[in-house]
Protein backbone atom coordinates (compact mmCIF):
# COMPACT_ATOMS: atom_id res chain seq x y z
CA UNK A 1 0.00 0.00 0.00
CA UNK A 2 1.50 3.31 -0.96
CA UNK A 3 1.29 6.47 1.02
CA UNK A 4 -0.80 9.27 -0.50
CA UNK A 5 0.28 12.81 0.22
CA UNK A 6 -2.43 15.46 0.17
CA UNK A 7 -2.17 17.79 -2.84
CA UNK A 8 -0.71 15.16 -5.18
CA UNK A 9 -2.48 12.80 -7.50
CA UNK A 10 -1.60 9.22 -8.06
CA UNK A 11 -1.38 7.96 -11.62
CA UNK A 12 -4.70 6.15 -11.14
CA UNK A 13 -6.61 9.39 -10.53
CA UNK A 14 -5.21 11.46 -13.38
CA UNK A 15 -7.78 11.82 -16.11
CA UNK A 16 -6.93 11.90 -19.77
CA UNK A 17 -9.09 13.56 -22.42
CA UNK A 18 -11.21 11.22 -24.51
CA UNK A 19 -9.81 10.22 -27.90
CA UNK A 20 -10.28 12.83 -30.62
CA UNK A 21 -12.92 10.85 -32.51
CA UNK A 22 -15.07 10.57 -29.37
CA UNK A 23 -14.76 14.29 -28.61
CA UNK A 24 -15.68 15.18 -32.20
CA UNK A 25 -18.59 12.70 -32.24
CA UNK A 26 -19.91 14.12 -28.97
CA UNK A 27 -19.66 17.64 -30.37
CA UNK A 28 -21.42 16.57 -33.57
CA UNK A 29 -24.31 15.09 -31.57
CA UNK A 30 -24.50 18.27 -29.48
CA UNK A 31 -24.51 20.46 -32.61
CA UNK A 32 -27.18 18.36 -34.35
CA UNK A 33 -29.41 18.49 -31.27
CA UNK A 34 -28.88 22.25 -31.08
CA UNK A 35 -29.85 22.70 -34.74
CA UNK A 36 -32.96 20.55 -34.46
CA UNK A 37 -33.87 21.93 -31.04
CA UNK A 38 -33.65 25.61 -31.92
CA UNK A 39 -36.94 26.94 -33.26
CA UNK A 40 -35.42 29.39 -35.75
CA UNK A 41 -33.09 26.77 -37.19
CA UNK A 42 -35.80 24.11 -37.29
CA UNK A 43 -38.07 26.39 -39.29
CA UNK A 44 -35.22 27.38 -41.58
CA UNK A 45 -33.87 23.86 -42.06
CA UNK A 46 -37.03 21.75 -42.22
CA UNK A 47 -40.26 23.71 -42.44
CA UNK A 48 -39.39 26.29 -45.12
CA UNK A 49 -37.85 23.85 -47.62
CA UNK A 50 -40.85 21.53 -47.30
CA UNK A 51 -43.25 24.45 -47.64
CA UNK A 52 -41.45 25.46 -50.83
CA UNK A 53 -41.66 21.90 -52.14
CA UNK A 54 -45.40 21.67 -51.53
CA UNK A 55 -46.06 25.15 -52.90
CA UNK A 56 -44.10 24.65 -56.11
CA UNK A 57 -45.48 21.15 -56.65
CA UNK A 58 -49.15 21.94 -56.07
CA UNK A 59 -49.48 25.35 -57.71
CA UNK A 60 -48.71 26.84 -61.13
CA UNK A 61 -45.99 29.17 -59.84
CA UNK A 62 -43.31 27.41 -61.91
CA UNK A 63 -45.25 28.19 -65.09
CA UNK A 64 -45.01 31.89 -64.29
CA UNK A 65 -41.23 31.48 -64.49
CA UNK A 66 -41.40 29.66 -67.82
CA UNK A 67 -41.47 25.99 -66.80
CA UNK A 68 -43.82 24.15 -69.14
CA UNK A 69 -43.13 20.54 -68.15
CA UNK A 70 -45.59 18.26 -66.45
CA UNK A 71 -43.52 17.14 -63.47
CA UNK A 72 -43.51 20.15 -61.15
CA UNK A 73 -42.41 17.99 -58.22
CA UNK A 74 -39.11 16.96 -59.86
CA UNK A 75 -38.19 20.59 -60.59
CA UNK A 76 -39.33 21.72 -57.15
CA UNK A 77 -37.36 18.94 -55.45
CA UNK A 78 -34.13 19.94 -57.20
CA UNK A 79 -34.54 23.51 -56.00
CA UNK A 80 -35.52 22.47 -52.50
CA UNK A 81 -32.43 20.28 -52.13
CA UNK A 82 -30.30 23.35 -52.88
CA UNK A 83 -32.33 25.50 -50.51
CA UNK A 84 -31.94 22.84 -47.82
CA UNK A 85 -28.16 22.93 -48.04
CA UNK A 86 -28.06 26.72 -48.08
CA UNK A 87 -30.43 27.05 -45.15
CA UNK A 88 -28.57 24.54 -43.02
CA UNK A 89 -24.92 25.02 -43.93
CA UNK A 90 -24.89 28.78 -44.36
CA UNK A 91 -27.78 30.58 -42.70
CA UNK A 92 -28.28 27.99 -39.97
CA UNK A 93 -24.64 28.25 -38.95
CA UNK A 94 -24.90 32.03 -38.79
CA UNK A 95 -27.83 31.66 -36.38
CA UNK A 96 -25.93 29.06 -34.34
CA UNK A 97 -22.83 31.25 -34.15
CA UNK A 98 -24.91 34.21 -32.99
CA UNK A 99 -26.37 32.12 -30.16
CA UNK A 100 -22.95 30.73 -29.27
CA UNK A 101 -21.51 34.24 -29.08
CA UNK A 102 -24.42 35.54 -27.04
CA UNK A 103 -24.03 32.82 -24.44
CA UNK A 104 -20.22 32.79 -24.45
CA UNK A 105 -20.01 29.22 -25.73
CA UNK A 106 -17.23 29.97 -28.22
CA UNK A 107 -14.91 31.29 -25.50
CA UNK A 108 -15.52 28.26 -23.30
CA UNK A 109 -15.13 25.78 -26.15
CA UNK A 110 -11.72 27.20 -26.98
CA UNK A 111 -10.45 26.08 -23.57
CA UNK A 112 -11.53 22.44 -23.91
CA UNK A 113 -9.47 19.55 -25.32
CA UNK A 114 -11.76 19.65 -28.38
CA UNK A 115 -9.86 22.54 -29.96
CA UNK A 116 -10.78 24.60 -32.98
CA UNK A 117 -10.32 21.78 -35.49
CA UNK A 118 -12.50 19.47 -33.41
CA UNK A 119 -15.17 22.14 -33.16
CA UNK A 120 -15.20 22.63 -36.93
CA UNK A 121 -15.20 18.86 -37.56
CA UNK A 122 -18.12 18.44 -35.16
CA UNK A 123 -20.06 21.19 -36.92
CA UNK A 124 -19.40 19.65 -40.34
CA UNK A 125 -20.59 16.22 -39.20
CA UNK A 126 -23.68 17.73 -37.56
CA UNK A 127 -24.57 19.78 -40.64
CA UNK A 128 -24.13 16.74 -42.88
CA UNK A 129 -26.32 14.73 -40.50
CA UNK A 130 -29.06 17.35 -40.56
CA UNK A 131 -28.72 17.54 -44.36
CA UNK A 132 -29.40 13.80 -44.51
CA UNK A 133 -32.57 14.36 -42.46
CA UNK A 134 -33.58 17.24 -44.75
CA UNK A 135 -33.02 15.17 -47.87
CA UNK A 136 -34.89 12.17 -46.47
CA UNK A 137 -37.88 14.34 -45.62
CA UNK A 138 -37.76 16.13 -48.99
CA UNK A 139 -37.62 12.86 -50.94
CA UNK A 140 -40.39 11.34 -48.81
CA UNK A 141 -42.63 14.36 -49.38
CA UNK A 142 -41.77 14.40 -53.10
CA UNK A 143 -42.72 10.72 -53.35
CA UNK A 144 -45.98 11.54 -51.59
CA UNK A 145 -46.56 14.33 -54.13
CA UNK A 146 -45.99 11.90 -57.01
CA UNK A 147 -42.33 12.34 -57.93
CA UNK A 148 -41.82 10.74 -61.32
CA UNK A 149 -38.13 11.07 -62.12
CA UNK A 150 -34.98 9.03 -62.27
CA UNK A 151 -32.67 10.16 -59.48
CA UNK A 152 -28.93 9.62 -59.63
CA UNK A 153 -28.20 8.96 -55.95
CA UNK A 154 -24.41 9.28 -56.39
CA UNK A 155 -24.83 12.73 -57.93
CA UNK A 156 -27.19 13.76 -55.14
CA UNK A 157 -24.73 12.63 -52.45
CA UNK A 158 -21.71 14.26 -54.12
CA UNK A 159 -23.53 17.54 -54.68
CA UNK A 160 -24.81 17.53 -51.09
CA UNK A 161 -21.35 16.98 -49.61
CA UNK A 162 -19.61 19.49 -51.90
CA UNK A 163 -22.37 22.07 -51.50
CA UNK A 164 -22.38 21.71 -47.73
CA UNK A 165 -18.60 21.99 -47.53
CA UNK A 166 -18.55 25.09 -49.76
CA UNK A 167 -21.28 26.85 -47.82
CA UNK A 168 -19.75 25.95 -44.46
CA UNK A 169 -16.42 27.33 -45.66
CA UNK A 170 -18.14 30.49 -46.93
CA UNK A 171 -20.04 30.83 -43.64
CA UNK A 172 -16.86 30.43 -41.59
CA UNK A 173 -14.95 32.90 -43.78
CA UNK A 174 -17.74 35.48 -43.46
CA UNK A 175 -17.85 34.92 -39.70
CA UNK A 176 -14.08 35.46 -39.39
CA UNK A 177 -14.31 38.75 -41.32
CA UNK A 178 -17.09 40.01 -39.04
CA UNK A 179 -15.13 39.21 -35.86
Foldseek 3Di string as FASTA:
>chain_A
DDDDDPPDDDPVPDDDDDDQVVLLQVLLVVLLCVQCVDPVSVCQQAVVLVVQLCVQQPDCPVVVVPDDDDGSNVVSLVVSLLSNLCSQQAVSVVVVVVVCVVVVVVVVVCPDPCHPVSNLSSSLSNSVVSSVVRNVVSVVVSVVSPDDDDDDVVVSVVCSSVSSVVNNVVRVVVVVVVD
